[in-house]
Amino acid sequence: MGYGKFMTMALAALFSVGCASPDPPPPTKTVFDPLLQAEQRARDVQKTVDEHADATRKAVDTEERGDTAP
């Protein structure tokens, strides 16, 4: 009776260890990858446009006040 419990526990432990993967598989490409890349490029472009708009706005404000350019 003692061997049955021991073997059951040992087999459960070995099964758990045997099924574990050491590293996850690499992500697979999907049909949405080109769309996600285009969306990321658009966000990057918008970020650049916003930065330039802020710089221009600051320059115009500086000129309106009569301050010297930084």
N, C-alpha and C. Protein backbone atom coordinates (compact mmCIF):
# COMPACT_ATOMS: atom_id res chain seq x y z
N MET A 1 0.82 -1.18 0.00
CA MET A 1 0.00 0.00 0.00
C MET A 1 0.87 1.25 0.00
N GLY A 2 1.98 1.26 0.69
CA GLY A 2 2.87 2.40 0.74
C GLY A 2 3.53 2.66 -0.60
N TYR A 3 3.80 1.57 -1.34
CA TYR A 3 4.44 1.74 -2.65
C TYR A 3 3.49 2.37 -3.67
N GLY A 4 2.21 2.09 -3.54
CA GLY A 4 1.22 2.63 -4.48
C GLY A 4 1.14 4.16 -4.37
N LYS A 5 1.12 4.66 -3.14
CA LYS A 5 1.06 6.10 -2.95
C LYS A 5 2.35 6.76 -3.42
N PHE A 6 3.47 6.10 -3.11
CA PHE A 6 4.76 6.64 -3.52
C PHE A 6 4.88 6.69 -5.05
N MET A 7 4.46 5.62 -5.71
CA MET A 7 4.55 5.57 -7.17
C MET A 7 3.61 6.59 -7.81
N THR A 8 2.43 6.76 -7.22
CA THR A 8 1.49 7.72 -7.77
C THR A 8 2.06 9.14 -7.68
N MET A 9 2.64 9.46 -6.53
CA MET A 9 3.22 10.78 -6.36
C MET A 9 4.42 10.97 -7.27
N ALA A 10 5.24 9.94 -7.40
CA ALA A 10 6.43 10.04 -8.24
C ALA A 10 6.03 10.20 -9.71
N LEU A 11 5.03 9.45 -10.16
CA LEU A 11 4.59 9.57 -11.54
C LEU A 11 3.98 10.95 -11.80
N ALA A 12 3.23 11.48 -10.85
CA ALA A 12 2.65 12.81 -11.02
C ALA A 12 3.76 13.86 -11.12
N ALA A 13 4.78 13.74 -10.29
CA ALA A 13 5.89 14.70 -10.33
C ALA A 13 6.66 14.58 -11.64
N LEU A 14 6.94 13.36 -12.07
CA LEU A 14 7.66 13.17 -13.33
C LEU A 14 6.85 13.66 -14.52
N PHE A 15 5.54 13.44 -14.50
CA PHE A 15 4.69 13.92 -15.57
C PHE A 15 4.71 15.44 -15.64
N SER A 16 4.66 16.09 -14.48
CA SER A 16 4.69 17.56 -14.45
C SER A 16 6.01 18.09 -14.98
N VAL A 17 7.10 17.50 -14.59
CA VAL A 17 8.42 17.94 -15.04
C VAL A 17 8.61 17.64 -16.53
N GLY A 18 8.11 16.51 -16.97
CA GLY A 18 8.27 16.12 -18.36
C GLY A 18 7.50 17.00 -19.32
N CYS A 19 6.38 17.53 -18.89
CA CYS A 19 5.56 18.37 -19.76
C CYS A 19 6.00 19.83 -19.77
N ALA A 20 6.82 20.22 -18.83
CA ALA A 20 7.25 21.62 -18.76
C ALA A 20 8.24 21.90 -19.89
N SER A 21 8.07 23.04 -20.53
CA SER A 21 8.95 23.44 -21.61
C SER A 21 10.00 24.39 -21.05
N PRO A 22 11.29 24.22 -21.36
CA PRO A 22 12.32 25.10 -20.81
C PRO A 22 12.23 26.54 -21.34
N ASP A 23 11.81 26.71 -22.58
CA ASP A 23 11.66 28.05 -23.13
C ASP A 23 10.41 28.09 -24.00
N PRO A 24 9.72 29.20 -24.00
CA PRO A 24 8.49 29.29 -24.80
C PRO A 24 8.81 29.33 -26.28
N PRO A 25 7.90 28.88 -27.10
CA PRO A 25 8.15 28.92 -28.55
C PRO A 25 8.14 30.36 -29.04
N PRO A 26 8.85 30.63 -30.12
CA PRO A 26 8.88 32.00 -30.66
C PRO A 26 7.49 32.39 -31.14
N PRO A 27 7.16 33.68 -31.06
CA PRO A 27 5.84 34.11 -31.52
C PRO A 27 5.69 33.90 -33.03
N THR A 28 4.51 33.49 -33.41
CA THR A 28 4.27 33.27 -34.83
C THR A 28 3.74 34.55 -35.45
N LYS A 29 4.00 34.73 -36.73
CA LYS A 29 3.52 35.91 -37.44
C LYS A 29 2.04 35.73 -37.74
N THR A 30 1.33 36.83 -37.66
CA THR A 30 -0.10 36.80 -37.96
C THR A 30 -0.39 37.71 -39.14
N VAL A 31 -1.63 37.67 -39.59
CA VAL A 31 -2.02 38.51 -40.71
C VAL A 31 -2.13 39.97 -40.28
N PHE A 32 -2.14 40.24 -38.98
CA PHE A 32 -2.27 41.60 -38.49
C PHE A 32 -0.93 42.31 -38.32
N ASP A 33 0.19 41.60 -38.47
CA ASP A 33 1.51 42.21 -38.29
C ASP A 33 1.73 43.43 -39.20
N PRO A 34 1.44 43.37 -40.50
CA PRO A 34 1.65 44.57 -41.33
C PRO A 34 0.79 45.75 -40.86
N LEU A 35 -0.42 45.46 -40.41
CA LEU A 35 -1.29 46.55 -39.94
C LEU A 35 -0.75 47.16 -38.66
N LEU A 36 -0.25 46.33 -37.77
CA LEU A 36 0.30 46.83 -36.52
C LEU A 36 1.58 47.63 -36.76
N GLN A 37 2.38 47.20 -37.72
CA GLN A 37 3.59 47.95 -38.06
C GLN A 37 3.23 49.30 -38.66
N ALA A 38 2.23 49.33 -39.51
CA ALA A 38 1.80 50.60 -40.11
C ALA A 38 1.25 51.54 -39.04
N GLU A 39 0.52 50.99 -38.08
CA GLU A 39 -0.01 51.81 -36.99
C GLU A 39 1.12 52.40 -36.15
N GLN A 40 2.15 51.59 -35.87
CA GLN A 40 3.29 52.08 -35.09
C GLN A 40 4.05 53.17 -35.84
N ARG A 41 4.22 53.00 -37.15
CA ARG A 41 4.88 54.04 -37.95
C ARG A 41 4.08 55.33 -37.91
N ALA A 42 2.75 55.21 -37.99
CA ALA A 42 1.90 56.40 -37.95
C ALA A 42 2.03 57.10 -36.60
N ARG A 43 2.11 56.34 -35.52
CA ARG A 43 2.28 56.94 -34.19
C ARG A 43 3.63 57.65 -34.09
N ASP A 44 4.67 57.05 -34.66
CA ASP A 44 5.99 57.69 -34.65
C ASP A 44 5.99 58.99 -35.44
N VAL A 45 5.33 58.98 -36.59
CA VAL A 45 5.24 60.20 -37.41
C VAL A 45 4.47 61.27 -36.66
N GLN A 46 3.36 60.88 -36.02
CA GLN A 46 2.57 61.85 -35.27
C GLN A 46 3.37 62.45 -34.11
N LYS A 47 4.18 61.63 -33.48
CA LYS A 47 5.04 62.11 -32.39
C LYS A 47 6.02 63.15 -32.90
N THR A 48 6.62 62.89 -34.07
CA THR A 48 7.56 63.83 -34.67
C THR A 48 6.86 65.14 -35.04
N VAL A 49 5.67 65.03 -35.61
CA VAL A 49 4.91 66.23 -36.00
C VAL A 49 4.57 67.04 -34.75
N ASP A 50 4.15 66.38 -33.69
CA ASP A 50 3.82 67.08 -32.44
C ASP A 50 5.04 67.79 -31.84
N GLU A 51 6.20 67.15 -31.91
CA GLU A 51 7.42 67.77 -31.40
C GLU A 51 7.76 69.04 -32.20
N HIS A 52 7.65 68.96 -33.52
CA HIS A 52 7.94 70.12 -34.36
C HIS A 52 6.92 71.24 -34.13
N ALA A 53 5.66 70.86 -33.92
CA ALA A 53 4.63 71.86 -33.66
C ALA A 53 4.89 72.58 -32.34
N ASP A 54 5.31 71.83 -31.32
CA ASP A 54 5.65 72.44 -30.04
C ASP A 54 6.82 73.40 -30.17
N ALA A 55 7.84 72.98 -30.92
CA ALA A 55 9.01 73.84 -31.11
C ALA A 55 8.62 75.12 -31.86
N THR A 56 7.79 74.99 -32.88
CA THR A 56 7.35 76.15 -33.63
C THR A 56 6.50 77.08 -32.76
N ARG A 57 5.62 76.50 -31.97
CA ARG A 57 4.77 77.30 -31.09
C ARG A 57 5.61 78.08 -30.08
N LYS A 58 6.63 77.44 -29.53
CA LYS A 58 7.51 78.12 -28.58
C LYS A 58 8.28 79.26 -29.27
N ALA A 59 8.72 79.01 -30.50
CA ALA A 59 9.46 80.05 -31.24
C ALA A 59 8.55 81.24 -31.54
N VAL A 60 7.32 80.99 -31.92
CA VAL A 60 6.39 82.07 -32.21
C VAL A 60 6.08 82.85 -30.94
N ASP A 61 5.87 82.16 -29.83
CA ASP A 61 5.62 82.83 -28.56
C ASP A 61 6.79 83.71 -28.16
N THR A 62 7.98 83.22 -28.36
CA THR A 62 9.18 83.99 -28.03
C THR A 62 9.28 85.25 -28.88
N GLU A 63 8.98 85.10 -30.17
CA GLU A 63 9.02 86.26 -31.08
C GLU A 63 7.95 87.29 -30.72
N GLU A 64 6.77 86.81 -30.32
CA GLU A 64 5.70 87.74 -29.98
C GLU A 64 6.04 88.58 -28.74
N ARG A 65 6.74 87.96 -27.80
CA ARG A 65 7.11 88.67 -26.58
C ARG A 65 8.33 89.58 -26.79
N GLY A 66 9.01 89.40 -27.87
CA GLY A 66 10.20 90.22 -28.16
C GLY A 66 11.45 89.69 -27.49
N ASP A 67 11.41 88.49 -26.97
CA ASP A 67 12.59 87.89 -26.37
C ASP A 67 13.55 87.45 -27.47
N THR A 68 14.81 87.23 -27.06
CA THR A 68 15.78 86.72 -28.02
C THR A 68 15.59 85.22 -28.17
N ALA A 69 15.98 84.70 -29.30
CA ALA A 69 15.83 83.28 -29.56
C ALA A 69 16.73 82.48 -28.61
N PRO A 70 16.22 81.36 -28.10
CA PRO A 70 17.02 80.55 -27.17
C PRO A 70 18.18 79.86 -27.82
